């Protein structure tokens, strides 16, 4: 059984990839906290990324309905505009970046936990696992 063929596992895998990429971007921001002129970056929220790569779109039931606009798939980085700047032009707020790192870590833990629980449920349904 290929877990990626099940929608829930595919979304979980995408979310884990999103959290990994976001941790990379936030780590770069933190690493450049003392770099003059550095502007922090972040990636698009997961909901935006998921909507862009989703193969499901709106159906046009009449010819005069608008077809909509397609987006670029993937996890695009966006520039964050903090409210204040250091005298050297650096715009990284360390506290904000650390809060984002903690939030992303919590999301990653939650997705991993849900993924494990569903694998356990599938195993039990197939008679391969024990309750516990």
C-alpha atoms as a PDB file:
ATOM      1  CA  UNK A   1       0.000   0.000   0.000  1.00  0.00           C
ATOM      2  CA  UNK A   2       1.385   3.352  -1.046  1.00  0.00           C
ATOM      3  CA  UNK A   3       0.458   5.877   1.641  1.00  0.00           C
ATOM      4  CA  UNK A   4       0.826   8.801  -0.774  1.00  0.00           C
ATOM      5  CA  UNK A   5      -2.177   7.524  -2.726  1.00  0.00           C
ATOM      6  CA  UNK A   6      -4.385   8.298   0.277  1.00  0.00           C
ATOM      7  CA  UNK A   7      -5.370  11.963   0.404  1.00  0.00           C
ATOM      8  CA  UNK A   8      -4.755  12.392   4.119  1.00  0.00           C
ATOM      9  CA  UNK A   9      -1.212  11.052   3.909  1.00  0.00           C
ATOM     10  CA  UNK A  10      -0.479  13.149   0.832  1.00  0.00           C
ATOM     11  CA  UNK A  11      -1.581  16.310   2.663  1.00  0.00           C
ATOM     12  CA  UNK A  12       0.465  15.297   5.713  1.00  0.00           C
ATOM     13  CA  UNK A  13       3.543  14.765   3.536  1.00  0.00           C
ATOM     14  CA  UNK A  14       3.024  18.165   1.897  1.00  0.00           C
ATOM     15  CA  UNK A  15       2.608  19.818   5.304  1.00  0.00           C
ATOM     16  CA  UNK A  16       5.802  18.192   6.602  1.00  0.00           C
ATOM     17  CA  UNK A  17       7.691  19.382   3.507  1.00  0.00           C
ATOM     18  CA  UNK A  18       6.263  22.877   4.079  1.00  0.00           C
ATOM     19  CA  UNK A  19       7.400  22.913   7.719  1.00  0.00           C
ATOM     20  CA  UNK A  20      10.886  21.718   6.747  1.00  0.00           C
ATOM     21  CA  UNK A  21      11.213  24.467   4.129  1.00  0.00           C
ATOM     22  CA  UNK A  22       9.917  27.100   6.540  1.00  0.00           C
ATOM     23  CA  UNK A  23      12.417  26.022   9.197  1.00  0.00           C
ATOM     24  CA  UNK A  24      15.211  26.454   6.623  1.00  0.00           C
ATOM     25  CA  UNK A  25      14.065  29.981   5.740  1.00  0.00           C
ATOM     26  CA  UNK A  26      13.649  30.983   9.393  1.00  0.00           C
ATOM     27  CA  UNK A  27      17.087  29.550  10.229  1.00  0.00           C
ATOM     28  CA  UNK A  28      18.575  31.751   7.492  1.00  0.00           C
ATOM     29  CA  UNK A  29      16.832  34.769   9.012  1.00  0.00           C
ATOM     30  CA  UNK A  30      18.213  33.980  12.466  1.00  0.00           C
ATOM     31  CA  UNK A  31      21.695  33.322  11.072  1.00  0.00           C
ATOM     32  CA  UNK A  32      21.659  36.775   9.479  1.00  0.00           C
ATOM     33  CA  UNK A  33      20.407  38.660  12.546  1.00  0.00           C
ATOM     34  CA  UNK A  34      23.614  40.744  12.577  1.00  0.00           C
ATOM     35  CA  UNK A  35      24.048  41.128   8.814  1.00  0.00           C
ATOM     36  CA  UNK A  36      23.717  44.779   7.801  1.00  0.00           C
ATOM     37  CA  UNK A  37      20.833  45.421   5.426  1.00  0.00           C
ATOM     38  CA  UNK A  38      19.406  41.893   5.673  1.00  0.00           C
ATOM     39  CA  UNK A  39      15.658  41.566   5.146  1.00  0.00           C
ATOM     40  CA  UNK A  40      13.918  38.546   6.689  1.00  0.00           C
ATOM     41  CA  UNK A  41      11.979  36.133   4.507  1.00  0.00           C
ATOM     42  CA  UNK A  42       9.181  33.660   5.067  1.00  0.00           C
ATOM     43  CA  UNK A  43       7.259  31.274   2.835  1.00  0.00           C
ATOM     44  CA  UNK A  44       3.625  31.460   1.884  1.00  0.00           C
ATOM     45  CA  UNK A  45       1.143  30.061   4.390  1.00  0.00           C
ATOM     46  CA  UNK A  46       0.431  26.371   3.925  1.00  0.00           C
ATOM     47  CA  UNK A  47      -3.169  27.020   2.889  1.00  0.00           C
ATOM     48  CA  UNK A  48      -1.952  29.129  -0.061  1.00  0.00           C
ATOM     49  CA  UNK A  49       0.636  26.526  -1.049  1.00  0.00           C
ATOM     50  CA  UNK A  50      -1.912  23.728  -0.828  1.00  0.00           C
ATOM     51  CA  UNK A  51      -4.483  25.628  -2.894  1.00  0.00           C
ATOM     52  CA  UNK A  52      -1.907  26.235  -5.624  1.00  0.00           C
ATOM     53  CA  UNK A  53      -0.881  22.593  -6.015  1.00  0.00           C
ATOM     54  CA  UNK A  54      -4.330  21.120  -5.628  1.00  0.00           C
ATOM     55  CA  UNK A  55      -5.563  19.405  -8.769  1.00  0.00           C
ATOM     56  CA  UNK A  56      -9.154  20.207  -7.926  1.00  0.00           C
ATOM     57  CA  UNK A  57     -10.596  23.364  -9.361  1.00  0.00           C
ATOM     58  CA  UNK A  58     -13.961  24.951  -9.843  1.00  0.00           C
ATOM     59  CA  UNK A  59     -16.109  23.459 -12.570  1.00  0.00           C
ATOM     60  CA  UNK A  60     -17.490  25.762 -15.241  1.00  0.00           C
ATOM     61  CA  UNK A  61     -21.121  24.820 -15.688  1.00  0.00           C
ATOM     62  CA  UNK A  62     -21.831  27.567 -18.208  1.00  0.00           C
ATOM     63  CA  UNK A  63     -19.692  29.119 -20.907  1.00  0.00           C
ATOM     64  CA  UNK A  64     -20.014  32.637 -19.489  1.00  0.00           C
ATOM     65  CA  UNK A  65     -18.598  31.653 -16.070  1.00  0.00           C
ATOM     66  CA  UNK A  66     -15.088  32.838 -15.270  1.00  0.00           C
ATOM     67  CA  UNK A  67     -12.437  30.145 -15.409  1.00  0.00           C
ATOM     68  CA  UNK A  68     -10.298  31.552 -12.585  1.00  0.00           C
ATOM     69  CA  UNK A  69      -6.598  32.151 -12.394  1.00  0.00           C
ATOM     70  CA  UNK A  70      -3.888  29.546 -11.833  1.00  0.00           C
ATOM     71  CA  UNK A  71      -1.022  30.074  -9.423  1.00  0.00           C
ATOM     72  CA  UNK A  72       2.540  28.846  -9.386  1.00  0.00           C
ATOM     73  CA  UNK A  73       2.845  25.604  -7.425  1.00  0.00           C
ATOM     74  CA  UNK A  74       5.365  25.188  -4.680  1.00  0.00           C
ATOM     75  CA  UNK A  75       6.530  27.058  -1.652  1.00  0.00           C
ATOM     76  CA  UNK A  76       7.444  30.528  -2.760  1.00  0.00           C
ATOM     77  CA  UNK A  77       9.364  32.756  -0.430  1.00  0.00           C
ATOM     78  CA  UNK A  78       7.947  36.138   0.384  1.00  0.00           C
ATOM     79  CA  UNK A  79       9.680  39.105   1.924  1.00  0.00           C
ATOM     80  CA  UNK A  80       8.445  40.145   5.345  1.00  0.00           C
ATOM     81  CA  UNK A  81       8.234  43.837   6.171  1.00  0.00           C
ATOM     82  CA  UNK A  82       8.931  44.358   9.867  1.00  0.00           C
ATOM     83  CA  UNK A  83       7.867  47.625  11.496  1.00  0.00           C
ATOM     84  CA  UNK A  84      11.342  48.752  12.636  1.00  0.00           C
ATOM     85  CA  UNK A  85      14.870  48.724  11.311  1.00  0.00           C
ATOM     86  CA  UNK A  86      18.200  48.550  13.106  1.00  0.00           C
ATOM     87  CA  UNK A  87      20.658  51.409  12.471  1.00  0.00           C
ATOM     88  CA  UNK A  88      22.632  49.139  10.119  1.00  0.00           C
ATOM     89  CA  UNK A  89      19.512  48.437   8.028  1.00  0.00           C
ATOM     90  CA  UNK A  90      18.921  44.926   9.374  1.00  0.00           C
ATOM     91  CA  UNK A  91      15.205  44.159   9.669  1.00  0.00           C
ATOM     92  CA  UNK A  92      15.308  40.826  11.529  1.00  0.00           C
ATOM     93  CA  UNK A  93      13.387  40.793  14.817  1.00  0.00           C
ATOM     94  CA  UNK A  94      14.904  37.829  16.656  1.00  0.00           C
ATOM     95  CA  UNK A  95      11.930  37.345  18.998  1.00  0.00           C
ATOM     96  CA  UNK A  96       9.526  37.206  16.060  1.00  0.00           C
ATOM     97  CA  UNK A  97      11.682  34.677  14.217  1.00  0.00           C
ATOM     98  CA  UNK A  98      11.979  32.458  17.299  1.00  0.00           C
ATOM     99  CA  UNK A  99       8.201  32.567  17.760  1.00  0.00           C
ATOM    100  CA  UNK A 100       7.738  31.469  14.145  1.00  0.00           C
ATOM    101  CA  UNK A 101      10.260  28.643  14.646  1.00  0.00           C
ATOM    102  CA  UNK A 102       8.373  27.424  17.718  1.00  0.00           C
ATOM    103  CA  UNK A 103       5.042  27.616  15.875  1.00  0.00           C
ATOM    104  CA  UNK A 104       6.434  25.661  12.946  1.00  0.00           C
ATOM    105  CA  UNK A 105       7.901  23.033  15.280  1.00  0.00           C
ATOM    106  CA  UNK A 106       4.517  22.628  16.980  1.00  0.00           C
ATOM    107  CA  UNK A 107       2.848  22.198  13.593  1.00  0.00           C
ATOM    108  CA  UNK A 108       5.420  19.605  12.588  1.00  0.00           C
ATOM    109  CA  UNK A 109       4.887  17.644  15.809  1.00  0.00           C
ATOM    110  CA  UNK A 110       1.118  17.730  15.372  1.00  0.00           C
ATOM    111  CA  UNK A 111       1.245  16.519  11.766  1.00  0.00           C
ATOM    112  CA  UNK A 112       3.691  13.744  12.675  1.00  0.00           C
ATOM    113  CA  UNK A 113       1.455  12.630  15.540  1.00  0.00           C
ATOM    114  CA  UNK A 114      -1.646  12.549  13.339  1.00  0.00           C
ATOM    115  CA  UNK A 115       0.271  10.672  10.636  1.00  0.00           C
ATOM    116  CA  UNK A 116       1.386   8.027  13.158  1.00  0.00           C
ATOM    117  CA  UNK A 117      -2.125   7.631  14.593  1.00  0.00           C
ATOM    118  CA  UNK A 118      -3.637   7.093  11.166  1.00  0.00           C
ATOM    119  CA  UNK A 119      -0.962   4.548  10.264  1.00  0.00           C
ATOM    120  CA  UNK A 120      -1.774   2.714  13.495  1.00  0.00           C
ATOM    121  CA  UNK A 121      -5.498   2.789  12.659  1.00  0.00           C
ATOM    122  CA  UNK A 122      -4.850   1.423   9.169  1.00  0.00           C
ATOM    123  CA  UNK A 123      -2.672  -1.305  10.637  1.00  0.00           C
ATOM    124  CA  UNK A 124      -5.399  -2.280  13.093  1.00  0.00           C
ATOM    125  CA  UNK A 125      -8.008  -2.284  10.325  1.00  0.00           C
ATOM    126  CA  UNK A 126      -5.802  -4.610   8.310  1.00  0.00           C
ATOM    127  CA  UNK A 127      -5.210  -6.845  11.333  1.00  0.00           C
ATOM    128  CA  UNK A 128      -1.500  -5.996  11.562  1.00  0.00           C
ATOM    129  CA  UNK A 129      -1.406  -3.960  14.742  1.00  0.00           C
ATOM    130  CA  UNK A 130      -2.534  -4.109  18.312  1.00  0.00           C
ATOM    131  CA  UNK A 131      -4.578  -1.486  20.070  1.00  0.00           C
ATOM    132  CA  UNK A 132      -2.558   0.745  22.290  1.00  0.00           C
END
